[in-house]
Amino acid sequence: LSSAGLRVLLSAQKTMNKQGAMVVRNVNETIGEIFDVTGFCDIL
């Protein structure tokens, strides 16, 4: 997952905040670390 992918996830989260909910499942350790370092673990 790169920063370009994070941008798409953030955009999807903003859309879903308006119309429902978004969940990310089955995150591997590497991507989990990216979420931790970038603060996305607090957003998603």
Full PDB file with SEQRES, HELIX, SHEET, SSBOND, CRYST1, ORIGX, SCALE, CONECT and MASTER records, all heavy atoms in Angstrom:
SEQRES   1 A   44  LEU SER SER ALA GLY LEU ARG VAL LEU LEU SER ALA GLN          
SEQRES   2 A   44  LYS THR MET ASN LYS GLN GLY ALA MET VAL VAL ARG ASN          
SEQRES   3 A   44  VAL ASN GLU THR ILE GLY GLU ILE PHE ASP VAL THR GLY          
SEQRES   4 A   44  PHE CYS ASP ILE LEU                                          
HELIX    1 AA1 SER A    3  GLN A   19  1                                  17    
HELIX    2 AA2 GLU A   29  THR A   38  1                                  10    
HELIX    3 AA3 PHE A   40  ILE A   43  1                                   4    
CRYST1    1.000    1.000    1.000  90.00  90.00  90.00 P 1           1          
ORIGX1      1.000000  0.000000  0.000000        0.00000                         
ORIGX2      0.000000  1.000000  0.000000        0.00000                         
ORIGX3      0.000000  0.000000  1.000000        0.00000                         
SCALE1      1.000000  0.000000  0.000000        0.00000                         
SCALE2      0.000000  1.000000  0.000000        0.00000                         
SCALE3      0.000000  0.000000  1.000000        0.00000                         
ATOM      1  N   LEU A   1       0.851  -1.184   0.000  1.00  0.00           N  
ATOM      2  CA  LEU A   1       0.000   0.000   0.000  1.00  0.00           C  
ATOM      3  C   LEU A   1       0.889   1.237   0.000  1.00  0.00           C  
ATOM      4  O   LEU A   1       1.740   1.381   0.881  1.00  0.00           O  
ATOM      5  CB  LEU A   1      -0.896  -0.012   1.242  1.00  0.00           C  
ATOM      6  CG  LEU A   1      -1.811   1.177   1.464  1.00  0.00           C  
ATOM      7  CD1 LEU A   1      -2.881   1.234   0.391  1.00  0.00           C  
ATOM      8  CD2 LEU A   1      -2.457   1.096   2.840  1.00  0.00           C  
ATOM      9  N   SER A   2       0.712   2.105  -0.995  1.00  0.00           N  
ATOM     10  CA  SER A   2       1.519   3.321  -1.083  1.00  0.00           C  
ATOM     11  C   SER A   2       0.691   4.536  -0.651  1.00  0.00           C  
ATOM     12  O   SER A   2      -0.495   4.420  -0.342  1.00  0.00           O  
ATOM     13  CB  SER A   2       2.006   3.539  -2.519  1.00  0.00           C  
ATOM     14  OG  SER A   2       0.935   4.004  -3.328  1.00  0.00           O  
ATOM     15  N   SER A   3       1.319   5.716  -0.675  1.00  0.00           N  
ATOM     16  CA  SER A   3       0.614   6.942  -0.317  1.00  0.00           C  
ATOM     17  C   SER A   3      -0.542   7.220  -1.277  1.00  0.00           C  
ATOM     18  O   SER A   3      -1.565   7.771  -0.871  1.00  0.00           O  
ATOM     19  CB  SER A   3       1.581   8.126  -0.287  1.00  0.00           C  
ATOM     20  OG  SER A   3       2.199   8.291  -1.545  1.00  0.00           O  
ATOM     21  N   ALA A   4      -0.409   6.832  -2.526  1.00  0.00           N  
ATOM     22  CA  ALA A   4      -1.508   6.997  -3.483  1.00  0.00           C  
ATOM     23  C   ALA A   4      -2.705   6.141  -3.064  1.00  0.00           C  
ATOM     24  O   ALA A   4      -3.852   6.568  -3.174  1.00  0.00           O  
ATOM     25  CB  ALA A   4      -1.054   6.622  -4.890  1.00  0.00           C  
ATOM     26  N   GLY A   5      -2.429   4.948  -2.566  1.00  0.00           N  
ATOM     27  CA  GLY A   5      -3.494   4.081  -2.062  1.00  0.00           C  
ATOM     28  C   GLY A   5      -4.141   4.661  -0.821  1.00  0.00           C  
ATOM     29  O   GLY A   5      -5.368   4.602  -0.655  1.00  0.00           O  
ATOM     30  N   LEU A   6      -3.324   5.249   0.067  1.00  0.00           N  
ATOM     31  CA  LEU A   6      -3.865   5.884   1.272  1.00  0.00           C  
ATOM     32  C   LEU A   6      -4.816   7.024   0.906  1.00  0.00           C  
ATOM     33  O   LEU A   6      -5.855   7.201   1.538  1.00  0.00           O  
ATOM     34  CB  LEU A   6      -2.726   6.420   2.151  1.00  0.00           C  
ATOM     35  CG  LEU A   6      -1.880   5.372   2.865  1.00  0.00           C  
ATOM     36  CD1 LEU A   6      -0.680   6.033   3.537  1.00  0.00           C  
ATOM     37  CD2 LEU A   6      -2.692   4.591   3.880  1.00  0.00           C  
ATOM     38  N   ARG A   7      -4.468   7.776  -0.130  1.00  0.00           N  
ATOM     39  CA  ARG A   7      -5.307   8.889  -0.566  1.00  0.00           C  
ATOM     40  C   ARG A   7      -6.681   8.370  -1.011  1.00  0.00           C  
ATOM     41  O   ARG A   7      -7.717   8.953  -0.677  1.00  0.00           O  
ATOM     42  CB  ARG A   7      -4.629   9.646  -1.702  1.00  0.00           C  
ATOM     43  CG  ARG A   7      -5.396  10.866  -2.173  1.00  0.00           C  
ATOM     44  CD  ARG A   7      -4.738  11.523  -3.372  1.00  0.00           C  
ATOM     45  NE  ARG A   7      -4.546  10.615  -4.499  1.00  0.00           N  
ATOM     46  CZ  ARG A   7      -5.501  10.204  -5.322  1.00  0.00           C  
ATOM     47  NH1 ARG A   7      -6.745  10.607  -5.153  1.00  0.00           N  
ATOM     48  NH2 ARG A   7      -5.227   9.392  -6.327  1.00  0.00           N  
ATOM     49  N   VAL A   8      -6.698   7.263  -1.744  1.00  0.00           N  
ATOM     50  CA  VAL A   8      -7.970   6.680  -2.195  1.00  0.00           C  
ATOM     51  C   VAL A   8      -8.788   6.192  -0.999  1.00  0.00           C  
ATOM     52  O   VAL A   8     -10.000   6.388  -0.947  1.00  0.00           O  
ATOM     53  CB  VAL A   8      -7.730   5.540  -3.207  1.00  0.00           C  
ATOM     54  CG1 VAL A   8      -9.033   4.848  -3.580  1.00  0.00           C  
ATOM     55  CG2 VAL A   8      -7.041   6.072  -4.454  1.00  0.00           C  
ATOM     56  N   LEU A   9      -8.118   5.587  -0.019  1.00  0.00           N  
ATOM     57  CA  LEU A   9      -8.826   5.124   1.179  1.00  0.00           C  
ATOM     58  C   LEU A   9      -9.427   6.290   1.949  1.00  0.00           C  
ATOM     59  O   LEU A   9     -10.558   6.212   2.434  1.00  0.00           O  
ATOM     60  CB  LEU A   9      -7.872   4.338   2.090  1.00  0.00           C  
ATOM     61  CG  LEU A   9      -7.364   3.004   1.561  1.00  0.00           C  
ATOM     62  CD1 LEU A   9      -6.449   2.356   2.591  1.00  0.00           C  
ATOM     63  CD2 LEU A   9      -8.502   2.075   1.199  1.00  0.00           C  
ATOM     64  N   LEU A  10      -8.683   7.384   2.061  1.00  0.00           N  
ATOM     65  CA  LEU A  10      -9.179   8.562   2.765  1.00  0.00           C  
ATOM     66  C   LEU A  10     -10.403   9.140   2.057  1.00  0.00           C  
ATOM     67  O   LEU A  10     -11.394   9.491   2.693  1.00  0.00           O  
ATOM     68  CB  LEU A  10      -8.076   9.615   2.870  1.00  0.00           C  
ATOM     69  CG  LEU A  10      -8.415  10.871   3.664  1.00  0.00           C  
ATOM     70  CD1 LEU A  10      -8.793  10.528   5.099  1.00  0.00           C  
ATOM     71  CD2 LEU A  10      -7.235  11.833   3.645  1.00  0.00           C  
ATOM     72  N   SER A  11     -10.356   9.196   0.755  1.00  0.00           N  
ATOM     73  CA  SER A  11     -11.483   9.693  -0.029  1.00  0.00           C  
ATOM     74  C   SER A  11     -12.710   8.804   0.157  1.00  0.00           C  
ATOM     75  O   SER A  11     -13.835   9.299   0.343  1.00  0.00           O  
ATOM     76  CB  SER A  11     -11.080   9.759  -1.505  1.00  0.00           C  
ATOM     77  OG  SER A  11     -12.161  10.140  -2.297  1.00  0.00           O  
ATOM     78  N   ALA A  12     -12.505   7.491   0.128  1.00  0.00           N  
ATOM     79  CA  ALA A  12     -13.612   6.546   0.336  1.00  0.00           C  
ATOM     80  C   ALA A  12     -14.193   6.697   1.734  1.00  0.00           C  
ATOM     81  O   ALA A  12     -15.418   6.664   1.920  1.00  0.00           O  
ATOM     82  CB  ALA A  12     -13.137   5.114   0.107  1.00  0.00           C  
ATOM     83  N   GLN A  13     -13.317   6.899   2.739  1.00  0.00           N  
ATOM     84  CA  GLN A  13     -13.784   7.071   4.117  1.00  0.00           C  
ATOM     85  C   GLN A  13     -14.644   8.325   4.235  1.00  0.00           C  
ATOM     86  O   GLN A  13     -15.691   8.318   4.878  1.00  0.00           O  
ATOM     87  CB  GLN A  13     -12.596   7.148   5.078  1.00  0.00           C  
ATOM     88  CG  GLN A  13     -12.994   7.257   6.543  1.00  0.00           C  
ATOM     89  CD  GLN A  13     -13.714   6.029   7.056  1.00  0.00           C  
ATOM     90  OE1 GLN A  13     -13.141   4.958   7.115  1.00  0.00           O  
ATOM     91  NE2 GLN A  13     -14.973   6.169   7.425  1.00  0.00           N  
ATOM     92  N   LYS A  14     -14.225   9.406   3.598  1.00  0.00           N  
ATOM     93  CA  LYS A  14     -15.009  10.651   3.639  1.00  0.00           C  
ATOM     94  C   LYS A  14     -16.380  10.449   3.008  1.00  0.00           C  
ATOM     95  O   LYS A  14     -17.393  10.923   3.538  1.00  0.00           O  
ATOM     96  CB  LYS A  14     -14.259  11.778   2.921  1.00  0.00           C  
ATOM     97  CG  LYS A  14     -13.086  12.301   3.710  1.00  0.00           C  
ATOM     98  CD  LYS A  14     -12.382  13.417   2.949  1.00  0.00           C  
ATOM     99  CE  LYS A  14     -11.218  13.967   3.730  1.00  0.00           C  
ATOM    100  NZ  LYS A  14     -10.515  15.026   2.978  1.00  0.00           N  
ATOM    101  N   THR A  15     -16.428   9.758   1.891  1.00  0.00           N  
ATOM    102  CA  THR A  15     -17.705   9.474   1.237  1.00  0.00           C  
ATOM    103  C   THR A  15     -18.596   8.631   2.136  1.00  0.00           C  
ATOM    104  O   THR A  15     -19.780   8.928   2.324  1.00  0.00           O  
ATOM    105  CB  THR A  15     -17.477   8.744  -0.102  1.00  0.00           C  
ATOM    106  OG1 THR A  15     -16.704   9.584  -0.959  1.00  0.00           O  
ATOM    107  CG2 THR A  15     -18.799   8.390  -0.778  1.00  0.00           C  
ATOM    108  N   MET A  16     -18.022   7.584   2.719  1.00  0.00           N  
ATOM    109  CA  MET A  16     -18.824   6.671   3.539  1.00  0.00           C  
ATOM    110  C   MET A  16     -19.230   7.303   4.866  1.00  0.00           C  
ATOM    111  O   MET A  16     -20.251   6.909   5.442  1.00  0.00           O  
ATOM    112  CB  MET A  16     -18.076   5.356   3.761  1.00  0.00           C  
ATOM    113  CG  MET A  16     -17.934   4.513   2.499  1.00  0.00           C  
ATOM    114  SD  MET A  16     -19.464   4.281   1.554  1.00  0.00           S  
ATOM    115  CE  MET A  16     -20.493   3.436   2.756  1.00  0.00           C  
ATOM    116  N   ASN A  17     -18.482   8.278   5.368  1.00  0.00           N  
ATOM    117  CA  ASN A  17     -18.902   8.987   6.579  1.00  0.00           C  
ATOM    118  C   ASN A  17     -20.251   9.673   6.366  1.00  0.00           C  
ATOM    119  O   ASN A  17     -21.029   9.811   7.299  1.00  0.00           O  
ATOM    120  CB  ASN A  17     -17.860  10.039   6.983  1.00  0.00           C  
ATOM    121  CG  ASN A  17     -16.644   9.436   7.655  1.00  0.00           C  
ATOM    122  OD1 ASN A  17     -16.651   8.279   8.067  1.00  0.00           O  
ATOM    123  ND2 ASN A  17     -15.587  10.212   7.746  1.00  0.00           N  
ATOM    124  N   LYS A  18     -20.534  10.080   5.139  1.00  0.00           N  
ATOM    125  CA  LYS A  18     -21.776  10.773   4.818  1.00  0.00           C  
ATOM    126  C   LYS A  18     -22.949   9.818   4.609  1.00  0.00           C  
ATOM    127  O   LYS A  18     -24.094  10.198   4.788  1.00  0.00           O  
ATOM    128  CB  LYS A  18     -21.595  11.616   3.547  1.00  0.00           C  
ATOM    129  CG  LYS A  18     -20.593  12.724   3.699  1.00  0.00           C  
ATOM    130  CD  LYS A  18     -20.364  13.422   2.381  1.00  0.00           C  
ATOM    131  CE  LYS A  18     -19.207  14.407   2.496  1.00  0.00           C  
ATOM    132  NZ  LYS A  18     -18.775  14.880   1.181  1.00  0.00           N  
ATOM    133  N   GLN A  19     -22.652   8.578   4.201  1.00  0.00           N  
ATOM    134  CA  GLN A  19     -23.758   7.693   3.830  1.00  0.00           C  
ATOM    135  C   GLN A  19     -23.778   6.366   4.572  1.00  0.00           C  
ATOM    136  O   GLN A  19     -24.644   5.537   4.317  1.00  0.00           O  
ATOM    137  CB  GLN A  19     -23.751   7.460   2.313  1.00  0.00           C  
ATOM    138  CG  GLN A  19     -22.512   6.773   1.773  1.00  0.00           C  
ATOM    139  CD  GLN A  19     -22.463   6.827   0.242  1.00  0.00           C  
ATOM    140  OE1 GLN A  19     -22.454   7.891  -0.345  1.00  0.00           O  
ATOM    141  NE2 GLN A  19     -22.429   5.658  -0.378  1.00  0.00           N  
ATOM    142  N   GLY A  20     -22.847   6.152   5.490  1.00  0.00           N  
ATOM    143  CA  GLY A  20     -22.845   4.887   6.228  1.00  0.00           C  
ATOM    144  C   GLY A  20     -21.529   4.648   6.926  1.00  0.00           C  
ATOM    145  O   GLY A  20     -21.044   5.518   7.638  1.00  0.00           O  
ATOM    146  N   ALA A  21     -20.932   3.484   6.694  1.00  0.00           N  
ATOM    147  CA  ALA A  21     -19.717   3.094   7.392  1.00  0.00           C  
ATOM    148  C   ALA A  21     -18.770   2.368   6.445  1.00  0.00           C  
ATOM    149  O   ALA A  21     -19.196   1.774   5.456  1.00  0.00           O  
ATOM    150  CB  ALA A  21     -20.056   2.184   8.567  1.00  0.00           C  
ATOM    151  N   MET A  22     -17.487   2.432   6.791  1.00  0.00           N  
ATOM    152  CA  MET A  22     -16.469   1.710   6.029  1.00  0.00           C  
ATOM    153  C   MET A  22     -15.596   0.932   7.004  1.00  0.00           C  
ATOM    154  O   MET A  22     -15.220   1.450   8.050  1.00  0.00           O  
ATOM    155  CB  MET A  22     -15.606   2.707   5.236  1.00  0.00           C  
ATOM    156  CG  MET A  22     -14.533   2.033   4.386  1.00  0.00           C  
ATOM    157  SD  MET A  22     -13.672   3.222   3.334  1.00  0.00           S  
ATOM    158  CE  MET A  22     -12.072   3.241   4.126  1.00  0.00           C  
ATOM    159  N   VAL A  23     -15.296  -0.310   6.638  1.00  0.00           N  
ATOM    160  CA  VAL A  23     -14.475  -1.186   7.461  1.00  0.00           C  
ATOM    161  C   VAL A  23     -13.361  -1.766   6.599  1.00  0.00           C  
ATOM    162  O   VAL A  23     -13.603  -2.144   5.446  1.00  0.00           O  
ATOM    163  CB  VAL A  23     -15.328  -2.348   8.043  1.00  0.00           C  
ATOM    164  CG1 VAL A  23     -14.473  -3.332   8.807  1.00  0.00           C  
ATOM    165  CG2 VAL A  23     -16.438  -1.814   8.916  1.00  0.00           C  
ATOM    166  N   VAL A  24     -12.155  -1.820   7.155  1.00  0.00           N  
ATOM    167  CA  VAL A  24     -11.030  -2.468   6.474  1.00  0.00           C  
ATOM    168  C   VAL A  24     -10.723  -3.748   7.245  1.00  0.00           C  
ATOM    169  O   VAL A  24     -10.503  -3.718   8.454  1.00  0.00           O  
ATOM    170  CB  VAL A  24      -9.788  -1.550   6.435  1.00  0.00           C  
ATOM    171  CG1 VAL A  24      -8.645  -2.234   5.698  1.00  0.00           C  
ATOM    172  CG2 VAL A  24     -10.125  -0.213   5.777  1.00  0.00           C  
ATOM    173  N   ARG A  25     -10.726  -4.883   6.540  1.00  0.00           N  
ATOM    174  CA  ARG A  25     -10.522  -6.183   7.195  1.00  0.00           C  
ATOM    175  C   ARG A  25      -9.275  -6.881   6.674  1.00  0.00           C  
ATOM    176  O   ARG A  25      -8.834  -6.641   5.556  1.00  0.00           O  
ATOM    177  CB  ARG A  25     -11.721  -7.096   6.929  1.00  0.00           C  
ATOM    178  CG  ARG A  25     -12.963  -6.659   7.642  1.00  0.00           C  
ATOM    179  CD  ARG A  25     -14.044  -7.718   7.569  1.00  0.00           C  
ATOM    180  NE  ARG A  25     -15.221  -7.238   8.297  1.00  0.00           N  
ATOM    181  CZ  ARG A  25     -16.463  -7.420   7.905  1.00  0.00           C  
ATOM    182  NH1 ARG A  25     -16.717  -8.108   6.818  1.00  0.00           N  
ATOM    183  NH2 ARG A  25     -17.454  -6.944   8.608  1.00  0.00           N  
ATOM    184  N   ASN A  26      -8.752  -7.793   7.490  1.00  0.00           N  
ATOM    185  CA  ASN A  26      -7.668  -8.704   7.105  1.00  0.00           C  
ATOM    186  C   ASN A  26      -6.408  -7.956   6.671  1.00  0.00           C  
ATOM    187  O   ASN A  26      -5.819  -8.250   5.640  1.00  0.00           O  
ATOM    188  CB  ASN A  26      -8.124  -9.671   6.000  1.00  0.00           C  
ATOM    189  CG  ASN A  26      -9.351 -10.448   6.406  1.00  0.00           C  
ATOM    190  OD1 ASN A  26      -9.417 -10.978   7.510  1.00  0.00           O  
ATOM    191  ND2 ASN A  26     -10.336 -10.510   5.533  1.00  0.00           N  
ATOM    192  N   VAL A  27      -6.006  -6.982   7.484  1.00  0.00           N  
ATOM    193  CA  VAL A  27      -4.810  -6.184   7.197  1.00  0.00           C  
ATOM    194  C   VAL A  27      -3.580  -6.948   7.657  1.00  0.00           C  
ATOM    195  O   VAL A  27      -3.521  -7.405   8.806  1.00  0.00           O  
ATOM    196  CB  VAL A  27      -4.900  -4.825   7.924  1.00  0.00           C  
ATOM    197  CG1 VAL A  27      -3.633  -4.020   7.741  1.00  0.00           C  
ATOM    198  CG2 VAL A  27      -6.117  -4.048   7.440  1.00  0.00           C  
ATOM    199  N   ASN A  28      -2.597  -7.093   6.760  1.00  0.00           N  
ATOM    200  CA  ASN A  28      -1.370  -7.782   7.163  1.00  0.00           C  
ATOM    201  C   ASN A  28      -0.488  -6.861   8.013  1.00  0.00           C  
ATOM    202  O   ASN A  28      -0.774  -5.674   8.166  1.00  0.00           O  
ATOM    203  CB  ASN A  28      -0.624  -8.351   5.951  1.00  0.00           C  
ATOM    204  CG  ASN A  28      -0.013  -7.282   5.060  1.00  0.00           C  
ATOM    205  OD1 ASN A  28       0.354  -6.192   5.493  1.00  0.00           O  
ATOM    206  ND2 ASN A  28       0.099  -7.593   3.778  1.00  0.00           N  
ATOM    207  N   GLU A  29       0.579  -7.418   8.560  1.00  0.00           N  
ATOM    208  CA  GLU A  29       1.430  -6.675   9.492  1.00  0.00           C  
ATOM    209  C   GLU A  29       2.070  -5.452   8.838  1.00  0.00           C  
ATOM    210  O   GLU A  29       2.119  -4.369   9.435  1.00  0.00           O  
ATOM    211  CB  GLU A  29       2.518  -7.613  10.033  1.00  0.00           C  
ATOM    212  CG  GLU A  29       3.334  -6.994  11.135  1.00  0.00           C  
ATOM    213  CD  GLU A  29       4.357  -7.974  11.701  1.00  0.00           C  
ATOM    214  OE1 GLU A  29       4.120  -9.199  11.652  1.00  0.00           O  
ATOM    215  OE2 GLU A  29       5.393  -7.495  12.177  1.00  0.00           O  
ATOM    216  N   THR A  30       2.526  -5.597   7.622  1.00  0.00           N  
ATOM    217  CA  THR A  30       3.192  -4.494   6.924  1.00  0.00           C  
ATOM    218  C   THR A  30       2.236  -3.325   6.698  1.00  0.00           C  
ATOM    219  O   THR A  30       2.580  -2.170   6.977  1.00  0.00           O  
ATOM    220  CB  THR A  30       3.752  -4.972   5.559  1.00  0.00           C  
ATOM    221  OG1 THR A  30       4.628  -6.074   5.801  1.00  0.00           O  
ATOM    222  CG2 THR A  30       4.496  -3.872   4.852  1.00  0.00           C  
ATOM    223  N   ILE A  31       1.057  -3.609   6.204  1.00  0.00           N  
ATOM    224  CA  ILE A  31       0.077  -2.549   5.964  1.00  0.00           C  
ATOM    225  C   ILE A  31      -0.425  -1.985   7.292  1.00  0.00           C  
ATOM    226  O   ILE A  31      -0.657  -0.784   7.412  1.00  0.00           O  
ATOM    227  CB  ILE A  31      -1.068  -3.058   5.065  1.00  0.00           C  
ATOM    228  CG1 ILE A  31      -0.503  -3.357   3.662  1.00  0.00           C  
ATOM    229  CG2 ILE A  31      -2.208  -2.046   4.983  1.00  0.00           C  
ATOM    230  CD1 ILE A  31      -1.458  -4.025   2.712  1.00  0.00           C  
ATOM    231  N   GLY A  32      -0.543  -2.823   8.298  1.00  0.00           N  
ATOM    232  CA  GLY A  32      -0.911  -2.349   9.638  1.00  0.00           C  
ATOM    233  C   GLY A  32       0.091  -1.341  10.168  1.00  0.00           C  
ATOM    234  O   GLY A  32      -0.287  -0.333  10.772  1.00  0.00           O  
ATOM    235  N   GLU A  33       1.371  -1.589   9.932  1.00  0.00           N  
ATOM    236  CA  GLU A  33       2.415  -0.641  10.349  1.00  0.00           C  
ATOM    237  C   GLU A  33       2.278   0.680   9.599  1.00  0.00           C  
ATOM    238  O   GLU A  33       2.468   1.755  10.188  1.00  0.00           O  
ATOM    239  CB  GLU A  33       3.800  -1.235  10.111  1.00  0.00           C  
ATOM    240  CG  GLU A  33       4.175  -2.319  11.102  1.00  0.00           C  
ATOM    241  CD  GLU A  33       5.547  -2.933  10.809  1.00  0.00           C  
ATOM    242  OE1 GLU A  33       6.342  -2.327  10.065  1.00  0.00           O  
ATOM    243  OE2 GLU A  33       5.798  -4.019  11.351  1.00  0.00           O  
ATOM    244  N   ILE A  34       1.958   0.615   8.313  1.00  0.00           N  
ATOM    245  CA  ILE A  34       1.747   1.843   7.526  1.00  0.00           C  
ATOM    246  C   ILE A  34       0.588   2.637   8.123  1.00  0.00           C  
ATOM    247  O   ILE A  34       0.685   3.860   8.290  1.00  0.00           O  
ATOM    248  CB  ILE A  34       1.486   1.510   6.041  1.00  0.00           C  
ATOM    249  CG1 ILE A  34       2.756   0.932   5.410  1.00  0.00           C  
ATOM    250  CG2 ILE A  34       0.995   2.738   5.273  1.00  0.00           C  
ATOM    251  CD1 ILE A  34       2.554   0.312   4.044  1.00  0.00           C  
ATOM    252  N   PHE A  35      -0.499   1.959   8.477  1.00  0.00           N  
ATOM    253  CA  PHE A  35      -1.639   2.637   9.094  1.00  0.00           C  
ATOM    254  C   PHE A  35      -1.245   3.274  10.423  1.00  0.00           C  
ATOM    255  O   PHE A  35      -1.683   4.379  10.741  1.00  0.00           O  
ATOM    256  CB  PHE A  35      -2.806   1.664   9.300  1.00  0.00           C  
ATOM    257  CG  PHE A  35      -3.542   1.295   8.035  1.00  0.00           C  
ATOM    258  CD1 PHE A  35      -4.291   0.135   7.990  1.00  0.00           C  
ATOM    259  CD2 PHE A  35      -3.513   2.088   6.904  1.00  0.00           C  
ATOM    260  CE1 PHE A  35      -5.000  -0.218   6.844  1.00  0.00           C  
ATOM    261  CE2 PHE A  35      -4.205   1.741   5.746  1.00  0.00           C  
ATOM    262  CZ  PHE A  35      -4.956   0.588   5.720  1.00  0.00           C  
ATOM    263  N   ASP A  36      -0.414   2.582  11.218  1.00  0.00           N  
ATOM    264  CA  ASP A  36       0.033   3.122  12.505  1.00  0.00           C  
ATOM    265  C   ASP A  36       0.899   4.369  12.322  1.00  0.00           C  
ATOM    266  O   ASP A  36       0.671   5.394  12.959  1.00  0.00           O  
ATOM    267  CB  ASP A  36       0.818   2.064  13.294  1.00  0.00           C  
ATOM    268  CG  ASP A  36      -0.080   0.987  13.880  1.00  0.00           C  
ATOM    269  OD1 ASP A  36      -1.300   1.234  14.026  1.00  0.00           O  
ATOM    270  OD2 ASP A  36       0.433  -0.103  14.177  1.00  0.00           O  
ATOM    271  N   VAL A  37       1.887   4.276  11.448  1.00  0.00           N  
ATOM    272  CA  VAL A  37       2.840   5.370  11.251  1.00  0.00           C  
ATOM    273  C   VAL A  37       2.153   6.617  10.681  1.00  0.00           C  
ATOM    274  O   VAL A  37       2.484   7.742  11.056  1.00  0.00           O  
ATOM    275  CB  VAL A  37       4.000   4.913  10.323  1.00  0.00           C  
ATOM    276  CG1 VAL A  37       4.863   6.077   9.883  1.00  0.00           C  
ATOM    277  CG2 VAL A  37       4.836   3.865  11.023  1.00  0.00           C  
ATOM    278  N   THR A  38       1.196   6.410   9.774  1.00  0.00           N  
ATOM    279  CA  THR A  38       0.528   7.542   9.122  1.00  0.00           C  
ATOM    280  C   THR A  38      -0.645   8.091   9.928  1.00  0.00           C  
ATOM    281  O   THR A  38      -1.183   9.142   9.584  1.00  0.00           O  
ATOM    282  CB  THR A  38       0.007   7.137   7.729  1.00  0.00           C  
ATOM    283  OG1 THR A  38      -0.910   6.050   7.882  1.00  0.00           O  
ATOM    284  CG2 THR A  38       1.145   6.749   6.811  1.00  0.00           C  
ATOM    285  N   GLY A  39      -1.051   7.367  10.977  1.00  0.00           N  
ATOM    286  CA  GLY A  39      -2.202   7.797  11.767  1.00  0.00           C  
ATOM    287  C   GLY A  39      -3.528   7.326  11.192  1.00  0.00           C  
ATOM    288  O   GLY A  39      -4.595   7.674  11.721  1.00  0.00           O  
ATOM    289  N   PHE A  40      -3.494   6.561  10.114  1.00  0.00           N  
ATOM    290  CA  PHE A  40      -4.728   6.063   9.504  1.00  0.00           C  
ATOM    291  C   PHE A  40      -5.465   5.100  10.430  1.00  0.00           C  
ATOM    292  O   PHE A  40      -6.663   4.918  10.287  1.00  0.00           O  
ATOM    293  CB  PHE A  40      -4.434   5.405   8.148  1.00  0.00           C  
ATOM    294  CG  PHE A  40      -4.509   6.355   6.991  1.00  0.00           C  
ATOM    295  CD1 PHE A  40      -3.604   7.384   6.873  1.00  0.00           C  
ATOM    296  CD2 PHE A  40      -5.498   6.225   6.029  1.00  0.00           C  
ATOM    297  CE1 PHE A  40      -3.660   8.285   5.817  1.00  0.00           C  
ATOM    298  CE2 PHE A  40      -5.568   7.105   4.954  1.00  0.00           C  
ATOM    299  CZ  PHE A  40      -4.658   8.142   4.856  1.00  0.00           C  
ATOM    300  N   CYS A  41      -4.742   4.515  11.387  1.00  0.00           N  
ATOM    301  CA  CYS A  41      -5.403   3.614  12.338  1.00  0.00           C  
ATOM    302  C   CYS A  41      -6.428   4.384  13.189  1.00  0.00           C  
ATOM    303  O   CYS A  41      -7.361   3.786  13.707  1.00  0.00           O  
ATOM    304  CB  CYS A  41      -4.378   2.904  13.211  1.00  0.00           C  
ATOM    305  SG  CYS A  41      -3.300   4.016  14.102  1.00  0.00           S  
ATOM    306  N   ASP A  42      -6.265   5.708  13.285  1.00  0.00           N  
ATOM    307  CA  ASP A  42      -7.220   6.536  14.020  1.00  0.00           C  
ATOM    308  C   ASP A  42      -8.383   6.994  13.151  1.00  0.00           C  
ATOM    309  O   ASP A  42      -9.401   7.429  13.645  1.00  0.00           O  
ATOM    310  CB  ASP A  42      -6.518   7.764  14.612  1.00  0.00           C  
ATOM    311  CG  ASP A  42      -5.430   7.375  15.593  1.00  0.00           C  
ATOM    312  OD1 ASP A  42      -5.598   6.364  16.307  1.00  0.00           O  
ATOM    313  OD2 ASP A  42      -4.409   8.081  15.649  1.00  0.00           O  
ATOM    314  N   ILE A  43      -8.203   6.933  11.833  1.00  0.00           N  
ATOM    315  CA  ILE A  43      -9.220   7.411  10.885  1.00  0.00           C  
ATOM    316  C   ILE A  43     -10.116   6.269  10.427  1.00  0.00           C  
ATOM    317  O   ILE A  43     -11.317   6.418  10.293  1.00  0.00           O  
ATOM    318  CB  ILE A  43      -8.536   8.064   9.657  1.00  0.00           C  
ATOM    319  CG1 ILE A  43      -7.706   9.270  10.097  1.00  0.00           C  
ATOM    320  CG2 ILE A  43      -9.566   8.458   8.607  1.00  0.00           C  
ATOM    321  CD1 ILE A  43      -6.794   9.802   9.003  1.00  0.00           C  
ATOM    322  N   LEU A  44      -9.499   5.117  10.164  1.00  0.00           N  
ATOM    323  CA  LEU A  44     -10.216   3.970   9.598  1.00  0.00           C  
ATOM    324  C   LEU A  44     -10.697   3.028  10.689  1.00  0.00           C  
ATOM    325  O   LEU A  44     -10.089   2.944  11.757  1.00  0.00           O  
ATOM    326  CB  LEU A  44      -9.296   3.193   8.660  1.00  0.00           C  
ATOM    327  CG  LEU A  44      -8.670   3.950   7.494  1.00  0.00           C  
ATOM    328  CD1 LEU A  44      -7.689   3.059   6.752  1.00  0.00           C  
ATOM    329  CD2 LEU A  44      -9.719   4.490   6.545  1.00  0.00           C  
TER     330      LEU A  44                                                      
MASTER        0    0    0    3    0    0    0    6  329    1    0    4          
END                                                                             
